Amino acid sequence: MVTIKRIYDPPSRTDGTRILVDRLWPRGITKEGAAIDEWLRDIAPSTGLRKSFGHDPGKWQLFKTRYKKELKGHAEIVKELRRKAKKDRVTLLFSAKDMEHNNAVVLKEVLDRTGGGPER
């Protein structure tokens, strides 16, 4: 099972494996305070994509399309995340304020799909 959560929300025992999926370390959070199990910055959107999106909901559909395309280049990481999620709960952590328009939402959507790669 895959869930998403802001890194600024307190950790919970029900989070399972906590994985930060942002390229940049979140402001104001210590590594100890984050209580993460893994930081997968390589699976985060590229710097160019992140900057062009700028958390603008008007650019959401374009961002999703472009990020899913980038995820195809990280098929092995996606497969590993799927394997982990089949065994136990995985919580994808992100720092964006917008709970509906961020990379963790897209990544969860991709992980929840059945099949071997990022896109079917």
PDB file of N, CA and C in Angstrom:
ATOM      1  N   MET A   1       0.837  -1.177   0.000  1.00  0.00           N
ATOM      2  CA  MET A   1       0.000   0.000   0.000  1.00  0.00           C
ATOM      3  C   MET A   1       0.885   1.244   0.000  1.00  0.00           C
ATOM      4  N   VAL A   2       0.511   2.218  -0.832  1.00  0.00           N
ATOM      5  CA  VAL A   2       1.257   3.463  -0.935  1.00  0.00           C
ATOM      6  C   VAL A   2       0.381   4.602  -0.422  1.00  0.00           C
ATOM      7  N   THR A   3       0.950   5.412   0.464  1.00  0.00           N
ATOM      8  CA  THR A   3       0.277   6.614   0.941  1.00  0.00           C
ATOM      9  C   THR A   3       1.230   7.792   0.744  1.00  0.00           C
ATOM     10  N   ILE A   4       0.688   8.987   0.828  1.00  0.00           N
ATOM     11  CA  ILE A   4       1.524  10.174   0.737  1.00  0.00           C
ATOM     12  C   ILE A   4       1.268  11.051   1.955  1.00  0.00           C
ATOM     13  N   LYS A   5       2.306  11.837   2.282  1.00  0.00           N
ATOM     14  CA  LYS A   5       2.215  12.655   3.491  1.00  0.00           C
ATOM     15  C   LYS A   5       3.251  13.773   3.402  1.00  0.00           C
ATOM     16  N   ARG A   6       2.902  14.920   3.939  1.00  0.00           N
ATOM     17  CA  ARG A   6       3.881  16.010   4.010  1.00  0.00           C
ATOM     18  C   ARG A   6       4.956  15.653   5.034  1.00  0.00           C
ATOM     19  N   ILE A   7       6.184  15.963   4.720  1.00  0.00           N
ATOM     20  CA  ILE A   7       7.299  15.690   5.628  1.00  0.00           C
ATOM     21  C   ILE A   7       7.149  16.478   6.922  1.00  0.00           C
ATOM     22  N   TYR A   8       6.389  17.577   6.870  1.00  0.00           N
ATOM     23  CA  TYR A   8       6.202  18.423   8.050  1.00  0.00           C
ATOM     24  C   TYR A   8       5.161  17.859   9.015  1.00  0.00           C
ATOM     25  N   ASP A   9       4.395  16.871   8.580  1.00  0.00           N
ATOM     26  CA  ASP A   9       3.445  16.217   9.474  1.00  0.00           C
ATOM     27  C   ASP A   9       4.215  15.237  10.358  1.00  0.00           C
ATOM     28  N   PRO A  10       3.781  15.062  11.602  1.00  0.00           N
ATOM     29  CA  PRO A  10       4.538  14.179  12.504  1.00  0.00           C
ATOM     30  C   PRO A  10       4.550  12.727  12.009  1.00  0.00           C
ATOM     31  N   PRO A  11       5.671  12.051  12.198  1.00  0.00           N
ATOM     32  CA  PRO A  11       5.738  10.633  11.838  1.00  0.00           C
ATOM     33  C   PRO A  11       4.736   9.833  12.666  1.00  0.00           C
ATOM     34  N   SER A  12       4.293   8.737  12.083  1.00  0.00           N
ATOM     35  CA  SER A  12       3.347   7.853  12.760  1.00  0.00           C
ATOM     36  C   SER A  12       3.826   6.415  12.605  1.00  0.00           C
ATOM     37  N   ARG A  13       3.486   5.592  13.572  1.00  0.00           N
ATOM     38  CA  ARG A  13       3.859   4.172  13.464  1.00  0.00           C
ATOM     39  C   ARG A  13       3.159   3.503  12.293  1.00  0.00           C
ATOM     40  N   THR A  14       2.063   4.075  11.838  1.00  0.00           N
ATOM     41  CA  THR A  14       1.321   3.484  10.721  1.00  0.00           C
ATOM     42  C   THR A  14       1.886   3.896   9.359  1.00  0.00           C
ATOM     43  N   ASP A  15       2.921   4.726   9.343  1.00  0.00           N
ATOM     44  CA  ASP A  15       3.514   5.175   8.078  1.00  0.00           C
ATOM     45  C   ASP A  15       4.209   4.052   7.320  1.00  0.00           C
ATOM     46  N   GLY A  16       4.675   3.062   8.012  1.00  0.00           N
ATOM     47  CA  GLY A  16       5.467   2.026   7.346  1.00  0.00           C
ATOM     48  C   GLY A  16       6.821   2.598   6.964  1.00  0.00           C
ATOM     49  N   THR A  17       7.299   2.249   5.783  1.00  0.00           N
ATOM     50  CA  THR A  17       8.576   2.756   5.289  1.00  0.00           C
ATOM     51  C   THR A  17       8.377   4.183   4.794  1.00  0.00           C
ATOM     52  N   ARG A  18       9.128   5.106   5.371  1.00  0.00           N
ATOM     53  CA  ARG A  18       8.995   6.531   5.026  1.00  0.00           C
ATOM     54  C   ARG A  18      10.083   6.903   4.026  1.00  0.00           C
ATOM     55  N   ILE A  19       9.648   7.345   2.823  1.00  0.00           N
ATOM     56  CA  ILE A  19      10.587   7.649   1.745  1.00  0.00           C
ATOM     57  C   ILE A  19      10.375   9.079   1.265  1.00  0.00           C
ATOM     58  N   LEU A  20      11.407   9.894   1.390  1.00  0.00           N
ATOM     59  CA  LEU A  20      11.361  11.261   0.889  1.00  0.00           C
ATOM     60  C   LEU A  20      11.591  11.221  -0.621  1.00  0.00           C
ATOM     61  N   VAL A  21      10.679  11.843  -1.378  1.00  0.00           N
ATOM     62  CA  VAL A  21      10.758  11.779  -2.842  1.00  0.00           C
ATOM     63  C   VAL A  21      10.951  13.169  -3.455  1.00  0.00           C
ATOM     64  N   ASP A  22      11.543  14.081  -2.711  1.00  0.00           N
ATOM     65  CA  ASP A  22      11.890  15.414  -3.207  1.00  0.00           C
ATOM     66  C   ASP A  22      13.371  15.463  -3.547  1.00  0.00           C
ATOM     67  N   ARG A  23      13.714  16.277  -4.531  1.00  0.00           N
ATOM     68  CA  ARG A  23      15.120  16.426  -4.917  1.00  0.00           C
ATOM     69  C   ARG A  23      15.891  17.265  -3.894  1.00  0.00           C
ATOM     70  N   LEU A  24      15.209  18.258  -3.320  1.00  0.00           N
ATOM     71  CA  LEU A  24      15.852  19.137  -2.344  1.00  0.00           C
ATOM     72  C   LEU A  24      15.422  18.760  -0.933  1.00  0.00           C
ATOM     73  N   TRP A  25      16.356  18.918   0.021  1.00  0.00           N
ATOM     74  CA  TRP A  25      16.002  18.638   1.413  1.00  0.00           C
ATOM     75  C   TRP A  25      15.022  19.713   1.884  1.00  0.00           C
ATOM     76  N   PRO A  26      13.954  19.313   2.594  1.00  0.00           N
ATOM     77  CA  PRO A  26      12.949  20.284   3.043  1.00  0.00           C
ATOM     78  C   PRO A  26      13.497  21.274   4.077  1.00  0.00           C
ATOM     79  N   ARG A  27      13.109  22.514   3.912  1.00  0.00           N
ATOM     80  CA  ARG A  27      13.560  23.564   4.824  1.00  0.00           C
ATOM     81  C   ARG A  27      13.024  23.337   6.230  1.00  0.00           C
ATOM     82  N   GLY A  28      13.884  23.608   7.210  1.00  0.00           N
ATOM     83  CA  GLY A  28      13.464  23.576   8.602  1.00  0.00           C
ATOM     84  C   GLY A  28      13.313  22.194   9.204  1.00  0.00           C
ATOM     85  N   ILE A  29      13.710  21.157   8.487  1.00  0.00           N
ATOM     86  CA  ILE A  29      13.592  19.777   8.983  1.00  0.00           C
ATOM     87  C   ILE A  29      14.995  19.211   9.171  1.00  0.00           C
ATOM     88  N   THR A  30      15.240  18.669  10.353  1.00  0.00           N
ATOM     89  CA  THR A  30      16.516  17.986  10.566  1.00  0.00           C
ATOM     90  C   THR A  30      16.393  16.550  10.062  1.00  0.00           C
ATOM     91  N   LYS A  31      17.501  15.946   9.799  1.00  0.00           N
ATOM     92  CA  LYS A  31      17.471  14.548   9.342  1.00  0.00           C
ATOM     93  C   LYS A  31      16.850  13.646  10.406  1.00  0.00           C
ATOM     94  N   GLU A  32      17.120  13.941  11.670  1.00  0.00           N
ATOM     95  CA  GLU A  32      16.536  13.148  12.754  1.00  0.00           C
ATOM     96  C   GLU A  32      15.022  13.392  12.839  1.00  0.00           C
ATOM     97  N   GLY A  33      14.631  14.643  12.712  1.00  0.00           N
ATOM     98  CA  GLY A  33      13.222  15.000  12.799  1.00  0.00           C
ATOM     99  C   GLY A  33      12.389  14.460  11.651  1.00  0.00           C
ATOM    100  N   ALA A  34      13.031  14.246  10.515  1.00  0.00           N
ATOM    101  CA  ALA A  34      12.316  13.740   9.343  1.00  0.00           C
ATOM    102  C   ALA A  34      11.909  12.285   9.529  1.00  0.00           C
ATOM    103  N   ALA A  35      12.684  11.553  10.282  1.00  0.00           N
ATOM    104  CA  ALA A  35      12.420  10.130  10.536  1.00  0.00           C
ATOM    105  C   ALA A  35      12.176   9.368   9.243  1.00  0.00           C
ATOM    106  N   ILE A  36      13.059   9.579   8.264  1.00  0.00           N
ATOM    107  CA  ILE A  36      12.901   8.880   6.991  1.00  0.00           C
ATOM    108  C   ILE A  36      13.725   7.604   6.985  1.00  0.00           C
ATOM    109  N   ASP A  37      13.265   6.663   6.194  1.00  0.00           N
ATOM    110  CA  ASP A  37      14.014   5.429   5.998  1.00  0.00           C
ATOM    111  C   ASP A  37      14.900   5.518   4.762  1.00  0.00           C
ATOM    112  N   GLU A  38      14.486   6.366   3.823  1.00  0.00           N
ATOM    113  CA  GLU A  38      15.211   6.462   2.562  1.00  0.00           C
ATOM    114  C   GLU A  38      14.909   7.811   1.919  1.00  0.00           C
ATOM    115  N   TRP A  39      15.906   8.341   1.183  1.00  0.00           N
ATOM    116  CA  TRP A  39      15.710   9.569   0.416  1.00  0.00           C
ATOM    117  C   TRP A  39      16.007   9.246  -1.037  1.00  0.00           C
ATOM    118  N   LEU A  40      14.982   9.223  -1.854  1.00  0.00           N
ATOM    119  CA  LEU A  40      15.129   8.901  -3.275  1.00  0.00           C
ATOM    120  C   LEU A  40      15.065  10.175  -4.109  1.00  0.00           C
ATOM    121  N   ARG A  41      16.107  10.977  -4.027  1.00  0.00           N
ATOM    122  CA  ARG A  41      16.091  12.248  -4.758  1.00  0.00           C
ATOM    123  C   ARG A  41      16.155  12.037  -6.265  1.00  0.00           C
ATOM    124  N   ASP A  42      16.708  10.903  -6.705  1.00  0.00           N
ATOM    125  CA  ASP A  42      16.810  10.653  -8.153  1.00  0.00           C
ATOM    126  C   ASP A  42      15.454  10.417  -8.810  1.00  0.00           C
ATOM    127  N   ILE A  43      14.458  10.009  -8.031  1.00  0.00           N
ATOM    128  CA  ILE A  43      13.141   9.760  -8.602  1.00  0.00           C
ATOM    129  C   ILE A  43      12.286  11.034  -8.619  1.00  0.00           C
ATOM    130  N   ALA A  44      12.773  12.083  -7.998  1.00  0.00           N
ATOM    131  CA  ALA A  44      12.065  13.368  -7.983  1.00  0.00           C
ATOM    132  C   ALA A  44      12.112  13.991  -9.378  1.00  0.00           C
ATOM    133  N   PRO A  45      11.202  14.910  -9.652  1.00  0.00           N
ATOM    134  CA  PRO A  45      11.249  15.603 -10.948  1.00  0.00           C
ATOM    135  C   PRO A  45      12.589  16.305 -11.137  1.00  0.00           C
ATOM    136  N   SER A  46      13.026  16.386 -12.382  1.00  0.00           N
ATOM    137  CA  SER A  46      14.270  17.094 -12.683  1.00  0.00           C
ATOM    138  C   SER A  46      14.144  18.551 -12.247  1.00  0.00           C
ATOM    139  N   THR A  47      15.270  19.190 -12.073  1.00  0.00           N
ATOM    140  CA  THR A  47      15.275  20.593 -11.659  1.00  0.00           C
ATOM    141  C   THR A  47      14.517  21.450 -12.666  1.00  0.00           C
ATOM    142  N   GLY A  48      14.731  21.213 -13.945  1.00  0.00           N
ATOM    143  CA  GLY A  48      14.030  21.975 -14.982  1.00  0.00           C
ATOM    144  C   GLY A  48      12.525  21.806 -14.910  1.00  0.00           C
ATOM    145  N   LEU A  49      12.082  20.580 -14.722  1.00  0.00           N
ATOM    146  CA  LEU A  49      10.642  20.320 -14.639  1.00  0.00           C
ATOM    147  C   LEU A  49      10.065  20.945 -13.373  1.00  0.00           C
ATOM    148  N   ARG A  50      10.756  20.793 -12.270  1.00  0.00           N
ATOM    149  CA  ARG A  50      10.297  21.362 -11.003  1.00  0.00           C
ATOM    150  C   ARG A  50      10.137  22.878 -11.119  1.00  0.00           C
ATOM    151  N   LYS A  51      11.137  23.533 -11.716  1.00  0.00           N
ATOM    152  CA  LYS A  51      11.083  24.989 -11.848  1.00  0.00           C
ATOM    153  C   LYS A  51      10.007  25.430 -12.839  1.00  0.00           C
ATOM    154  N   SER A  52       9.840  24.709 -13.932  1.00  0.00           N
ATOM    155  CA  SER A  52       8.819  25.111 -14.911  1.00  0.00           C
ATOM    156  C   SER A  52       7.408  24.927 -14.352  1.00  0.00           C
ATOM    157  N   PHE A  53       7.207  23.950 -13.498  1.00  0.00           N
ATOM    158  CA  PHE A  53       5.902  23.727 -12.867  1.00  0.00           C
ATOM    159  C   PHE A  53       5.627  24.811 -11.830  1.00  0.00           C
ATOM    160  N   GLY A  54       6.570  25.049 -10.952  1.00  0.00           N
ATOM    161  CA  GLY A  54       6.438  26.095  -9.950  1.00  0.00           C
ATOM    162  C   GLY A  54       5.201  25.965  -9.076  1.00  0.00           C
ATOM    163  N   HIS A  55       4.685  24.767  -8.921  1.00  0.00           N
ATOM    164  CA  HIS A  55       3.487  24.494  -8.110  1.00  0.00           C
ATOM    165  C   HIS A  55       2.270  25.295  -8.577  1.00  0.00           C
ATOM    166  N   ASP A  56       2.213  25.552  -9.882  1.00  0.00           N
ATOM    167  CA  ASP A  56       1.093  26.267 -10.487  1.00  0.00           C
ATOM    168  C   ASP A  56       0.042  25.242 -10.911  1.00  0.00           C
ATOM    169  N   PRO A  57      -1.123  25.211 -10.241  1.00  0.00           N
ATOM    170  CA  PRO A  57      -2.158  24.237 -10.608  1.00  0.00           C
ATOM    171  C   PRO A  57      -2.571  24.315 -12.078  1.00  0.00           C
ATOM    172  N   GLY A  58      -2.399  25.460 -12.699  1.00  0.00           N
ATOM    173  CA  GLY A  58      -2.712  25.600 -14.119  1.00  0.00           C
ATOM    174  C   GLY A  58      -1.775  24.801 -15.015  1.00  0.00           C
ATOM    175  N   LYS A  59      -0.621  24.443 -14.506  1.00  0.00           N
ATOM    176  CA  LYS A  59       0.361  23.661 -15.265  1.00  0.00           C
ATOM    177  C   LYS A  59       0.368  22.192 -14.838  1.00  0.00           C
ATOM    178  N   TRP A  60      -0.611  21.796 -14.036  1.00  0.00           N
ATOM    179  CA  TRP A  60      -0.645  20.462 -13.440  1.00  0.00           C
ATOM    180  C   TRP A  60      -0.644  19.340 -14.476  1.00  0.00           C
ATOM    181  N   GLN A  61      -1.511  19.418 -15.453  1.00  0.00           N
ATOM    182  CA  GLN A  61      -1.602  18.327 -16.431  1.00  0.00           C
ATOM    183  C   GLN A  61      -0.297  18.179 -17.219  1.00  0.00           C
ATOM    184  N   LEU A  62       0.298  19.291 -17.619  1.00  0.00           N
ATOM    185  CA  LEU A  62       1.575  19.236 -18.326  1.00  0.00           C
ATOM    186  C   LEU A  62       2.656  18.659 -17.421  1.00  0.00           C
ATOM    187  N   PHE A  63       2.674  19.086 -16.165  1.00  0.00           N
ATOM    188  CA  PHE A  63       3.646  18.550 -15.210  1.00  0.00           C
ATOM    189  C   PHE A  63       3.491  17.037 -15.075  1.00  0.00           C
ATOM    190  N   LYS A  64       2.247  16.570 -14.890  1.00  0.00           N
ATOM    191  CA  LYS A  64       2.020  15.130 -14.733  1.00  0.00           C
ATOM    192  C   LYS A  64       2.544  14.359 -15.935  1.00  0.00           C
ATOM    193  N   THR A  65       2.234  14.840 -17.122  1.00  0.00           N
ATOM    194  CA  THR A  65       2.673  14.160 -18.350  1.00  0.00           C
ATOM    195  C   THR A  65       4.191  14.100 -18.427  1.00  0.00           C
ATOM    196  N   ARG A  66       4.834  15.222 -18.167  1.00  0.00           N
ATOM    197  CA  ARG A  66       6.289  15.282 -18.266  1.00  0.00           C
ATOM    198  C   ARG A  66       6.960  14.466 -17.157  1.00  0.00           C
ATOM    199  N   TYR A  67       6.397  14.492 -15.958  1.00  0.00           N
ATOM    200  CA  TYR A  67       6.993  13.725 -14.856  1.00  0.00           C
ATOM    201  C   TYR A  67       6.849  12.225 -15.098  1.00  0.00           C
ATOM    202  N   LYS A  68       5.711  11.798 -15.580  1.00  0.00           N
ATOM    203  CA  LYS A  68       5.537  10.377 -15.896  1.00  0.00           C
ATOM    204  C   LYS A  68       6.542   9.938 -16.958  1.00  0.00           C
ATOM    205  N   LYS A  69       6.817  10.814 -17.910  1.00  0.00           N
ATOM    206  CA  LYS A  69       7.821  10.506 -18.928  1.00  0.00           C
ATOM    207  C   LYS A  69       9.200  10.367 -18.274  1.00  0.00           C
ATOM    208  N   GLU A  70       9.530  11.273 -17.347  1.00  0.00           N
ATOM    209  CA  GLU A  70      10.806  11.162 -16.640  1.00  0.00           C
ATOM    210  C   GLU A  70      10.884   9.875 -15.829  1.00  0.00           C
ATOM    211  N   LEU A  71       9.782   9.466 -15.228  1.00  0.00           N
ATOM    212  CA  LEU A  71       9.772   8.250 -14.416  1.00  0.00           C
ATOM    213  C   LEU A  71      10.091   7.006 -15.236  1.00  0.00           C
ATOM    214  N   LYS A  72       9.798   7.031 -16.518  1.00  0.00           N
ATOM    215  CA  LYS A  72      10.140   5.891 -17.380  1.00  0.00           C
ATOM    216  C   LYS A  72      11.647   5.649 -17.375  1.00  0.00           C
ATOM    217  N   GLY A  73      12.421   6.696 -17.168  1.00  0.00           N
ATOM    218  CA  GLY A  73      13.877   6.560 -17.090  1.00  0.00           C
ATOM    219  C   GLY A  73      14.354   6.014 -15.755  1.00  0.00           C
ATOM    220  N   HIS A  74      13.435   5.836 -14.823  1.00  0.00           N
ATOM    221  CA  HIS A  74      13.753   5.298 -13.495  1.00  0.00           C
ATOM    222  C   HIS A  74      12.929   4.046 -13.223  1.00  0.00           C
ATOM    223  N   ALA A  75      12.750   3.241 -14.240  1.00  0.00           N
ATOM    224  CA  ALA A  75      11.881   2.061 -14.140  1.00  0.00           C
ATOM    225  C   ALA A  75      12.303   1.113 -13.023  1.00  0.00           C
ATOM    226  N   GLU A  76      13.602   0.951 -12.793  1.00  0.00           N
ATOM    227  CA  GLU A  76      14.066   0.035 -11.752  1.00  0.00           C
ATOM    228  C   GLU A  76      13.689   0.536 -10.361  1.00  0.00           C
ATOM    229  N   ILE A  77      13.800   1.842 -10.144  1.00  0.00           N
ATOM    230  CA  ILE A  77      13.416   2.403  -8.848  1.00  0.00           C
ATOM    231  C   ILE A  77      11.920   2.241  -8.641  1.00  0.00           C
ATOM    232  N   VAL A  78      11.149   2.482  -9.696  1.00  0.00           N
ATOM    233  CA  VAL A  78       9.694   2.325  -9.620  1.00  0.00           C
ATOM    234  C   VAL A  78       9.336   0.879  -9.288  1.00  0.00           C
ATOM    235  N   LYS A  79       9.990  -0.068  -9.938  1.00  0.00           N
ATOM    236  CA  LYS A  79       9.726  -1.489  -9.662  1.00  0.00           C
ATOM    237  C   LYS A  79      10.064  -1.837  -8.213  1.00  0.00           C
ATOM    238  N   GLU A  80      11.179  -1.315  -7.713  1.00  0.00           N
ATOM    239  CA  GLU A  80      11.574  -1.587  -6.332  1.00  0.00           C
ATOM    240  C   GLU A  80      10.561  -1.001  -5.352  1.00  0.00           C
ATOM    241  N   LEU A  81      10.082   0.206  -5.630  1.00  0.00           N
ATOM    242  CA  LEU A  81       9.058   0.808  -4.766  1.00  0.00           C
ATOM    243  C   LEU A  81       7.784  -0.026  -4.779  1.00  0.00           C
ATOM    244  N   ARG A  82       7.411  -0.541  -5.943  1.00  0.00           N
ATOM    245  CA  ARG A  82       6.225  -1.405  -6.030  1.00  0.00           C
ATOM    246  C   ARG A  82       6.406  -2.668  -5.195  1.00  0.00           C
ATOM    247  N   ARG A  83       7.599  -3.246  -5.258  1.00  0.00           N
ATOM    248  CA  ARG A  83       7.874  -4.461  -4.470  1.00  0.00           C
ATOM    249  C   ARG A  83       7.729  -4.153  -2.980  1.00  0.00           C
ATOM    250  N   LYS A  84       8.292  -3.040  -2.551  1.00  0.00           N
ATOM    251  CA  LYS A  84       8.185  -2.658  -1.138  1.00  0.00           C
ATOM    252  C   LYS A  84       6.728  -2.449  -0.745  1.00  0.00           C
ATOM    253  N   ALA A  85       5.968  -1.804  -1.614  1.00  0.00           N
ATOM    254  CA  ALA A  85       4.565  -1.489  -1.311  1.00  0.00           C
ATOM    255  C   ALA A  85       3.696  -2.742  -1.266  1.00  0.00           C
ATOM    256  N   LYS A  86       4.088  -3.782  -1.971  1.00  0.00           N
ATOM    257  CA  LYS A  86       3.330  -5.037  -1.919  1.00  0.00           C
ATOM    258  C   LYS A  86       3.536  -5.747  -0.587  1.00  0.00           C
ATOM    259  N   LYS A  87       4.727  -5.565   0.009  1.00  0.00           N
ATOM    260  CA  LYS A  87       5.047  -6.223   1.275  1.00  0.00           C
ATOM    261  C   LYS A  87       4.516  -5.457   2.476  1.00  0.00           C
ATOM    262  N   ASP A  88       4.575  -4.138   2.412  1.00  0.00           N
ATOM    263  CA  ASP A  88       4.269  -3.312   3.581  1.00  0.00           C
ATOM    264  C   ASP A  88       3.818  -1.936   3.102  1.00  0.00           C
ATOM    265  N   ARG A  89       3.336  -1.140   4.020  1.00  0.00           N
ATOM    266  CA  ARG A  89       2.938   0.230   3.701  1.00  0.00           C
ATOM    267  C   ARG A  89       4.184   1.060   3.401  1.00  0.00           C
ATOM    268  N   VAL A  90       4.095   1.873   2.361  1.00  0.00           N
ATOM    269  CA  VAL A  90       5.137   2.821   1.990  1.00  0.00           C
ATOM    270  C   VAL A  90       4.501   4.201   1.994  1.00  0.00           C
ATOM    271  N   THR A  91       5.117   5.129   2.711  1.00  0.00           N
ATOM    272  CA  THR A  91       4.635   6.496   2.737  1.00  0.00           C
ATOM    273  C   THR A  91       5.629   7.372   1.986  1.00  0.00           C
ATOM    274  N   LEU A  92       5.150   7.994   0.905  1.00  0.00           N
ATOM    275  CA  LEU A  92       5.959   8.912   0.116  1.00  0.00           C
ATOM    276  C   LEU A  92       5.853  10.287   0.761  1.00  0.00           C
ATOM    277  N   LEU A  93       6.990  10.849   1.104  1.00  0.00           N
ATOM    278  CA  LEU A  93       7.030  12.128   1.790  1.00  0.00           C
ATOM    279  C   LEU A  93       7.419  13.242   0.830  1.00  0.00           C
ATOM    280  N   PHE A  94       6.738  14.373   0.942  1.00  0.00           N
ATOM    281  CA  PHE A  94       7.002  15.527   0.092  1.00  0.00           C
ATOM    282  C   PHE A  94       6.912  16.788   0.942  1.00  0.00           C
ATOM    283  N   SER A  95       7.452  17.890   0.436  1.00  0.00           N
ATOM    284  CA  SER A  95       7.444  19.119   1.224  1.00  0.00           C
ATOM    285  C   SER A  95       6.488  20.184   0.701  1.00  0.00           C
ATOM    286  N   ALA A  96       5.920  20.004  -0.465  1.00  0.00           N
ATOM    287  CA  ALA A  96       5.032  21.012  -1.053  1.00  0.00           C
ATOM    288  C   ALA A  96       3.833  21.294  -0.147  1.00  0.00           C
ATOM    289  N   LYS A  97       3.363  22.530  -0.173  1.00  0.00           N
ATOM    290  CA  LYS A  97       2.189  22.906   0.613  1.00  0.00           C
ATOM    291  C   LYS A  97       0.907  22.368  -0.017  1.00  0.00           C
ATOM    292  N   ASP A  98       0.899  22.268  -1.332  1.00  0.00           N
ATOM    293  CA  ASP A  98      -0.287  21.827  -2.065  1.00  0.00           C
ATOM    294  C   ASP A  98      -0.370  20.298  -2.007  1.00  0.00           C
ATOM    295  N   MET A  99      -1.392  19.811  -1.335  1.00  0.00           N
ATOM    296  CA  MET A  99      -1.562  18.363  -1.136  1.00  0.00           C
ATOM    297  C   MET A  99      -2.034  17.642  -2.403  1.00  0.00           C
ATOM    298  N   GLU A 100      -2.570  18.368  -3.371  1.00  0.00           N
ATOM    299  CA  GLU A 100      -3.147  17.748  -4.565  1.00  0.00           C
ATOM    300  C   GLU A 100      -2.274  17.872  -5.802  1.00  0.00           C
ATOM    301  N   HIS A 101      -1.364  18.826  -5.812  1.00  0.00           N
ATOM    302  CA  HIS A 101      -0.551  19.091  -7.000  1.00  0.00           C
ATOM    303  C   HIS A 101       0.929  19.029  -6.633  1.00  0.00           C
ATOM    304  N   ASN A 102       1.448  17.817  -6.529  1.00  0.00           N
ATOM    305  CA  ASN A 102       2.866  17.639  -6.216  1.00  0.00           C
ATOM    306  C   ASN A 102       3.346  16.309  -6.778  1.00  0.00           C
ATOM    307  N   ASN A 103       4.650  16.136  -6.816  1.00  0.00           N
ATOM    308  CA  ASN A 103       5.228  14.946  -7.426  1.00  0.00           C
ATOM    309  C   ASN A 103       4.842  13.647  -6.725  1.00  0.00           C
ATOM    310  N   ALA A 104       4.626  13.674  -5.416  1.00  0.00           N
ATOM    311  CA  ALA A 104       4.257  12.451  -4.702  1.00  0.00           C
ATOM    312  C   ALA A 104       2.893  11.936  -5.165  1.00  0.00           C
ATOM    313  N   VAL A 105       1.985  12.832  -5.500  1.00  0.00           N
ATOM    314  CA  VAL A 105       0.665  12.429  -6.013  1.00  0.00           C
ATOM    315  C   VAL A 105       0.837  11.670  -7.321  1.00  0.00           C
ATOM    316  N   VAL A 106       1.670  12.192  -8.201  1.00  0.00           N
ATOM    317  CA  VAL A 106       1.904  11.543  -9.502  1.00  0.00           C
ATOM    318  C   VAL A 106       2.606  10.207  -9.299  1.00  0.00           C
ATOM    319  N   LEU A 107       3.620  10.184  -8.460  1.00  0.00           N
ATOM    320  CA  LEU A 107       4.359   8.947  -8.213  1.00  0.00           C
ATOM    321  C   LEU A 107       3.453   7.884  -7.612  1.00  0.00           C
ATOM    322  N   LYS A 108       2.602   8.248  -6.688  1.00  0.00           N
ATOM    323  CA  LYS A 108       1.654   7.292  -6.113  1.00  0.00           C
ATOM    324  C   LYS A 108       0.736   6.736  -7.192  1.00  0.00           C
ATOM    325  N   GLU A 109       0.264   7.606  -8.073  1.00  0.00           N
ATOM    326  CA  GLU A 109      -0.599   7.172  -9.176  1.00  0.00           C
ATOM    327  C   GLU A 109       0.120   6.139 -10.045  1.00  0.00           C
ATOM    328  N   VAL A 110       1.375   6.401 -10.342  1.00  0.00           N
ATOM    329  CA  VAL A 110       2.169   5.464 -11.144  1.00  0.00           C
ATOM    330  C   VAL A 110       2.380   4.153 -10.390  1.00  0.00           C
ATOM    331  N   LEU A 111       2.698   4.224  -9.102  1.00  0.00           N
ATOM    332  CA  LEU A 111       2.943   3.014  -8.311  1.00  0.00           C
ATOM    333  C   LEU A 111       1.680   2.186  -8.142  1.00  0.00           C
ATOM    334  N   ASP A 112       0.543   2.829  -8.071  1.00  0.00           N
ATOM    335  CA  ASP A 112      -0.714   2.107  -7.876  1.00  0.00           C
ATOM    336  C   ASP A 112      -1.167   1.353  -9.122  1.00  0.00           C
ATOM    337  N   ARG A 113      -0.576   1.693 -10.268  1.00  0.00           N
ATOM    338  CA  ARG A 113      -0.889   0.973 -11.506  1.00  0.00           C
ATOM    339  C   ARG A 113      -0.299  -0.427 -11.422  1.00  0.00           C
ATOM    340  N   THR A 114      -0.967  -1.369 -12.021  1.00  0.00           N
ATOM    341  CA  THR A 114      -0.400  -2.722 -12.099  1.00  0.00           C
ATOM    342  C   THR A 114       0.483  -2.798 -13.323  1.00  0.00           C
ATOM    343  N   GLY A 115       1.442  -3.669 -13.280  1.00  0.00           N
ATOM    344  CA  GLY A 115       2.336  -3.830 -14.422  1.00  0.00           C
ATOM    345  C   GLY A 115       3.774  -3.605 -14.010  1.00  0.00           C
ATOM    346  N   GLY A 116       4.681  -3.785 -14.943  1.00  0.00           N
ATOM    347  CA  GLY A 116       6.098  -3.762 -14.629  1.00  0.00           C
ATOM    348  C   GLY A 116       6.762  -2.409 -14.656  1.00  0.00           C
ATOM    349  N   GLY A 117       6.304  -1.495 -15.507  1.00  0.00           N
ATOM    350  CA  GLY A 117       7.009  -0.221 -15.645  1.00  0.00           C
ATOM    351  C   GLY A 117       6.199   0.936 -15.115  1.00  0.00           C
ATOM    352  N   PRO A 118       6.725   2.130 -15.266  1.00  0.00           N
ATOM    353  CA  PRO A 118       6.039   3.313 -14.769  1.00  0.00           C
ATOM    354  C   PRO A 118       4.713   3.566 -15.461  1.00  0.00           C
ATOM    355  N   GLU A 119       4.592   3.216 -16.712  1.00  0.00           N
ATOM    356  CA  GLU A 119       3.365   3.449 -17.473  1.00  0.00           C
ATOM    357  C   GLU A 119       3.008   2.191 -18.225  1.00  0.00           C
ATOM    358  N   ARG A 120       1.732   1.951 -18.312  1.00  0.00           N
ATOM    359  CA  ARG A 120       1.266   0.810 -19.088  1.00  0.00           C
ATOM    360  C   ARG A 120       0.766   1.276 -20.417  1.00  0.00           C
TER     361      ARG A 120
END
